[in-house]
Amino acid sequence: MAKLANLTVTSDDESKFSSQFEETLKTIDLINKLDTSTVIPTFQVTGLTNIIRPDVIDAARIIPKDEVLAQAHQVYQDFIVVPRVFDE
């Protein structure tokens, strides 16, 4: 698992994590053996609901493309150029 997660793990840590992982699997096995046939499935327990608004375009808030591009520091083919977020 450490290899899949791209983690560097010492041999001491490896034995420690191995036993902890075994315990985790045993606990999951116990949970899987529980009879949940009479339990009603839940997906949301707080009673909250999503509050949404209609998807309406407010023409008064639209800024013309030319005005937006004129304010940008750098533009390339009608796109605003921003500094990259990820390094390669």
N, C-alpha and C. Protein backbone atom coordinates (compact mmCIF):
# COMPACT_ATOMS: atom_id res chain seq x y z
N MET A 1 0.82 -1.20 0.00
CA MET A 1 0.00 0.00 0.00
C MET A 1 0.86 1.26 0.00
N ALA A 2 1.97 1.20 0.72
CA ALA A 2 2.87 2.35 0.74
C ALA A 2 3.37 2.66 -0.66
N LYS A 3 3.63 1.61 -1.42
CA LYS A 3 4.12 1.81 -2.79
C LYS A 3 3.03 2.47 -3.64
N LEU A 4 1.78 2.02 -3.46
CA LEU A 4 0.68 2.61 -4.22
C LEU A 4 0.46 4.08 -3.83
N ALA A 5 0.67 4.38 -2.56
CA ALA A 5 0.51 5.75 -2.08
C ALA A 5 1.76 6.59 -2.29
N ASN A 6 2.80 5.97 -2.85
CA ASN A 6 4.06 6.64 -3.13
C ASN A 6 4.69 7.21 -1.85
N LEU A 7 4.66 6.37 -0.77
CA LEU A 7 5.22 6.76 0.51
C LEU A 7 6.53 6.02 0.75
N THR A 8 7.45 6.67 1.43
CA THR A 8 8.68 6.02 1.85
C THR A 8 8.44 5.48 3.25
N VAL A 9 8.57 4.16 3.41
CA VAL A 9 8.29 3.51 4.70
C VAL A 9 9.50 2.68 5.10
N THR A 10 9.94 2.85 6.34
CA THR A 10 11.05 2.05 6.85
C THR A 10 10.56 0.65 7.19
N SER A 11 11.49 -0.29 7.39
CA SER A 11 11.10 -1.66 7.71
C SER A 11 10.40 -1.73 9.06
N ASP A 12 10.80 -0.88 10.02
CA ASP A 12 10.11 -0.83 11.31
C ASP A 12 8.66 -0.36 11.14
N ASP A 13 8.51 0.70 10.37
CA ASP A 13 7.16 1.20 10.10
C ASP A 13 6.34 0.15 9.35
N GLU A 14 6.98 -0.56 8.44
CA GLU A 14 6.28 -1.55 7.64
C GLU A 14 5.64 -2.63 8.52
N SER A 15 6.38 -3.13 9.50
CA SER A 15 5.83 -4.16 10.39
C SER A 15 4.74 -3.57 11.28
N LYS A 16 4.95 -2.35 11.74
CA LYS A 16 3.94 -1.68 12.57
C LYS A 16 2.65 -1.47 11.78
N PHE A 17 2.77 -0.91 10.57
CA PHE A 17 1.60 -0.65 9.75
C PHE A 17 0.92 -1.93 9.31
N SER A 18 1.71 -2.97 9.10
CA SER A 18 1.16 -4.25 8.68
C SER A 18 0.22 -4.81 9.75
N SER A 19 0.66 -4.77 11.00
CA SER A 19 -0.21 -5.27 12.07
C SER A 19 -1.44 -4.38 12.26
N GLN A 20 -1.26 -3.07 12.13
CA GLN A 20 -2.40 -2.16 12.24
C GLN A 20 -3.40 -2.39 11.11
N PHE A 21 -2.89 -2.66 9.92
CA PHE A 21 -3.76 -2.90 8.78
C PHE A 21 -4.53 -4.21 8.97
N GLU A 22 -3.87 -5.22 9.52
CA GLU A 22 -4.55 -6.48 9.80
C GLU A 22 -5.70 -6.26 10.77
N GLU A 23 -5.47 -5.47 11.81
CA GLU A 23 -6.53 -5.17 12.78
C GLU A 23 -7.68 -4.43 12.11
N THR A 24 -7.35 -3.53 11.22
CA THR A 24 -8.39 -2.80 10.50
C THR A 24 -9.23 -3.75 9.66
N LEU A 25 -8.58 -4.68 8.98
CA LEU A 25 -9.31 -5.65 8.16
C LEU A 25 -10.19 -6.56 9.02
N LYS A 26 -9.70 -6.94 10.19
CA LYS A 26 -10.50 -7.76 11.10
C LYS A 26 -11.74 -7.00 11.56
N THR A 27 -11.58 -5.73 11.87
CA THR A 27 -12.72 -4.91 12.29
C THR A 27 -13.73 -4.77 11.17
N ILE A 28 -13.27 -4.56 9.96
CA ILE A 28 -14.17 -4.47 8.80
C ILE A 28 -14.90 -5.78 8.60
N ASP A 29 -14.20 -6.89 8.80
CA ASP A 29 -14.82 -8.21 8.67
C ASP A 29 -15.93 -8.38 9.70
N LEU A 30 -15.69 -7.94 10.95
CA LEU A 30 -16.73 -8.01 11.99
C LEU A 30 -17.94 -7.16 11.62
N ILE A 31 -17.70 -5.98 11.10
CA ILE A 31 -18.79 -5.08 10.70
C ILE A 31 -19.59 -5.71 9.57
N ASN A 32 -18.91 -6.32 8.62
CA ASN A 32 -19.59 -6.97 7.49
C ASN A 32 -20.46 -8.14 7.93
N LYS A 33 -20.16 -8.75 9.07
CA LYS A 33 -20.93 -9.88 9.56
C LYS A 33 -22.19 -9.46 10.31
N LEU A 34 -22.32 -8.19 10.65
CA LEU A 34 -23.49 -7.71 11.37
C LEU A 34 -24.74 -7.82 10.50
N ASP A 35 -25.86 -8.19 11.13
CA ASP A 35 -27.13 -8.28 10.41
C ASP A 35 -27.76 -6.89 10.37
N THR A 36 -27.77 -6.28 9.22
CA THR A 36 -28.35 -4.95 9.06
C THR A 36 -29.62 -4.98 8.22
N SER A 37 -30.22 -6.17 8.08
CA SER A 37 -31.39 -6.31 7.21
C SER A 37 -32.59 -5.51 7.71
N THR A 38 -32.65 -5.22 9.01
CA THR A 38 -33.79 -4.46 9.55
C THR A 38 -33.48 -2.97 9.71
N VAL A 39 -32.30 -2.57 9.34
CA VAL A 39 -31.90 -1.17 9.49
C VAL A 39 -32.27 -0.41 8.22
N ILE A 40 -32.97 0.69 8.42
CA ILE A 40 -33.38 1.52 7.27
C ILE A 40 -32.15 2.29 6.79
N PRO A 41 -31.83 2.20 5.49
CA PRO A 41 -30.67 2.95 4.97
C PRO A 41 -30.87 4.46 5.12
N THR A 42 -29.82 5.15 5.48
CA THR A 42 -29.87 6.61 5.58
C THR A 42 -28.77 7.20 4.72
N PHE A 43 -29.03 8.36 4.21
CA PHE A 43 -28.02 9.05 3.43
C PHE A 43 -27.83 10.46 3.94
N GLN A 44 -28.77 10.89 4.79
CA GLN A 44 -28.72 12.24 5.32
C GLN A 44 -29.43 12.22 6.66
N VAL A 45 -28.75 12.54 7.74
CA VAL A 45 -29.33 12.37 9.06
C VAL A 45 -29.66 13.68 9.78
N THR A 46 -29.34 14.81 9.19
CA THR A 46 -29.57 16.08 9.88
C THR A 46 -30.91 16.72 9.52
N GLY A 47 -31.54 16.25 8.44
CA GLY A 47 -32.80 16.84 8.03
C GLY A 47 -32.64 18.07 7.16
N LEU A 48 -31.40 18.46 6.89
CA LEU A 48 -31.17 19.63 6.05
C LEU A 48 -31.46 19.31 4.59
N THR A 49 -31.87 20.30 3.86
CA THR A 49 -32.09 20.12 2.43
C THR A 49 -31.32 21.19 1.68
N ASN A 50 -31.05 20.91 0.42
CA ASN A 50 -30.35 21.89 -0.41
C ASN A 50 -31.27 23.06 -0.72
N ILE A 51 -30.71 24.23 -0.64
CA ILE A 51 -31.45 25.42 -1.03
C ILE A 51 -30.85 25.89 -2.34
N ILE A 52 -31.64 25.84 -3.38
CA ILE A 52 -31.13 26.21 -4.69
C ILE A 52 -31.91 27.40 -5.22
N ARG A 53 -31.31 28.08 -6.13
CA ARG A 53 -31.96 29.21 -6.78
C ARG A 53 -32.11 28.89 -8.25
N PRO A 54 -33.05 29.52 -8.89
CA PRO A 54 -33.18 29.29 -10.33
C PRO A 54 -31.94 29.75 -11.07
N ASP A 55 -31.59 29.07 -12.13
CA ASP A 55 -30.43 29.41 -12.92
C ASP A 55 -30.84 30.43 -13.97
N VAL A 56 -30.81 31.69 -13.56
CA VAL A 56 -31.26 32.79 -14.42
C VAL A 56 -30.09 33.73 -14.66
N ILE A 57 -29.91 34.12 -15.89
CA ILE A 57 -28.85 35.07 -16.25
C ILE A 57 -29.34 36.48 -15.96
N ASP A 58 -28.55 37.22 -15.19
CA ASP A 58 -28.87 38.61 -14.89
C ASP A 58 -28.09 39.48 -15.87
N ALA A 59 -28.77 39.94 -16.91
CA ALA A 59 -28.12 40.69 -17.99
C ALA A 59 -27.44 41.96 -17.47
N ALA A 60 -27.92 42.52 -16.38
CA ALA A 60 -27.35 43.75 -15.84
C ALA A 60 -25.95 43.50 -15.25
N ARG A 61 -25.63 42.24 -14.92
CA ARG A 61 -24.34 41.93 -14.32
C ARG A 61 -23.32 41.40 -15.32
N ILE A 62 -23.70 41.28 -16.57
CA ILE A 62 -22.78 40.75 -17.58
C ILE A 62 -21.84 41.85 -18.06
N ILE A 63 -20.55 41.56 -18.05
CA ILE A 63 -19.56 42.51 -18.54
C ILE A 63 -19.16 42.06 -19.94
N PRO A 64 -19.16 42.95 -20.89
CA PRO A 64 -18.78 42.57 -22.26
C PRO A 64 -17.37 41.97 -22.30
N LYS A 65 -17.20 40.98 -23.17
CA LYS A 65 -15.93 40.26 -23.28
C LYS A 65 -14.77 41.21 -23.55
N ASP A 66 -14.95 42.15 -24.45
CA ASP A 66 -13.87 43.08 -24.79
C ASP A 66 -13.41 43.89 -23.58
N GLU A 67 -14.36 44.26 -22.73
CA GLU A 67 -14.02 45.03 -21.53
C GLU A 67 -13.24 44.17 -20.53
N VAL A 68 -13.63 42.92 -20.40
CA VAL A 68 -12.93 42.01 -19.50
C VAL A 68 -11.51 41.77 -20.00
N LEU A 69 -11.37 41.47 -21.28
CA LEU A 69 -10.05 41.20 -21.84
C LEU A 69 -9.15 42.43 -21.79
N ALA A 70 -9.72 43.61 -21.87
CA ALA A 70 -8.94 44.85 -21.81
C ALA A 70 -8.33 45.04 -20.42
N GLN A 71 -8.95 44.45 -19.39
CA GLN A 71 -8.46 44.60 -18.02
C GLN A 71 -7.47 43.50 -17.63
N ALA A 72 -7.35 42.48 -18.45
CA ALA A 72 -6.46 41.36 -18.12
C ALA A 72 -5.01 41.75 -18.35
N HIS A 73 -4.12 41.18 -17.52
CA HIS A 73 -2.69 41.46 -17.66
C HIS A 73 -2.13 40.83 -18.94
N GLN A 74 -2.61 39.63 -19.26
CA GLN A 74 -2.11 38.93 -20.44
C GLN A 74 -3.26 38.16 -21.08
N VAL A 75 -3.36 38.27 -22.41
CA VAL A 75 -4.43 37.61 -23.16
C VAL A 75 -3.80 36.82 -24.31
N TYR A 76 -4.38 35.64 -24.58
CA TYR A 76 -3.94 34.83 -25.71
C TYR A 76 -5.17 34.26 -26.38
N GLN A 77 -5.40 34.63 -27.61
CA GLN A 77 -6.53 34.16 -28.42
C GLN A 77 -7.85 34.26 -27.66
N ASP A 78 -8.17 35.42 -27.14
CA ASP A 78 -9.41 35.69 -26.40
C ASP A 78 -9.54 34.92 -25.09
N PHE A 79 -8.42 34.47 -24.52
CA PHE A 79 -8.41 33.83 -23.21
C PHE A 79 -7.51 34.63 -22.29
N ILE A 80 -7.87 34.70 -21.02
CA ILE A 80 -7.03 35.36 -20.03
C ILE A 80 -5.96 34.38 -19.60
N VAL A 81 -4.70 34.80 -19.66
CA VAL A 81 -3.58 33.96 -19.26
C VAL A 81 -3.28 34.24 -17.79
N VAL A 82 -3.20 33.14 -17.01
CA VAL A 82 -2.90 33.25 -15.58
C VAL A 82 -1.68 32.39 -15.28
N PRO A 83 -1.00 32.64 -14.16
CA PRO A 83 0.15 31.79 -13.80
C PRO A 83 -0.30 30.36 -13.59
N ARG A 84 0.56 29.42 -13.96
CA ARG A 84 0.24 28.01 -13.80
C ARG A 84 0.14 27.66 -12.32
N VAL A 85 -0.69 26.69 -12.02
CA VAL A 85 -0.90 26.26 -10.65
C VAL A 85 -0.04 25.06 -10.32
N PHE A 86 0.15 24.16 -11.28
CA PHE A 86 0.89 22.94 -11.05
C PHE A 86 2.23 22.99 -11.77
N ASP A 87 3.26 22.48 -11.12
CA ASP A 87 4.56 22.31 -11.76
C ASP A 87 4.61 20.94 -12.39
N GLU A 88 5.31 20.82 -13.46
CA GLU A 88 5.43 19.51 -14.11
C GLU A 88 6.61 18.75 -13.57
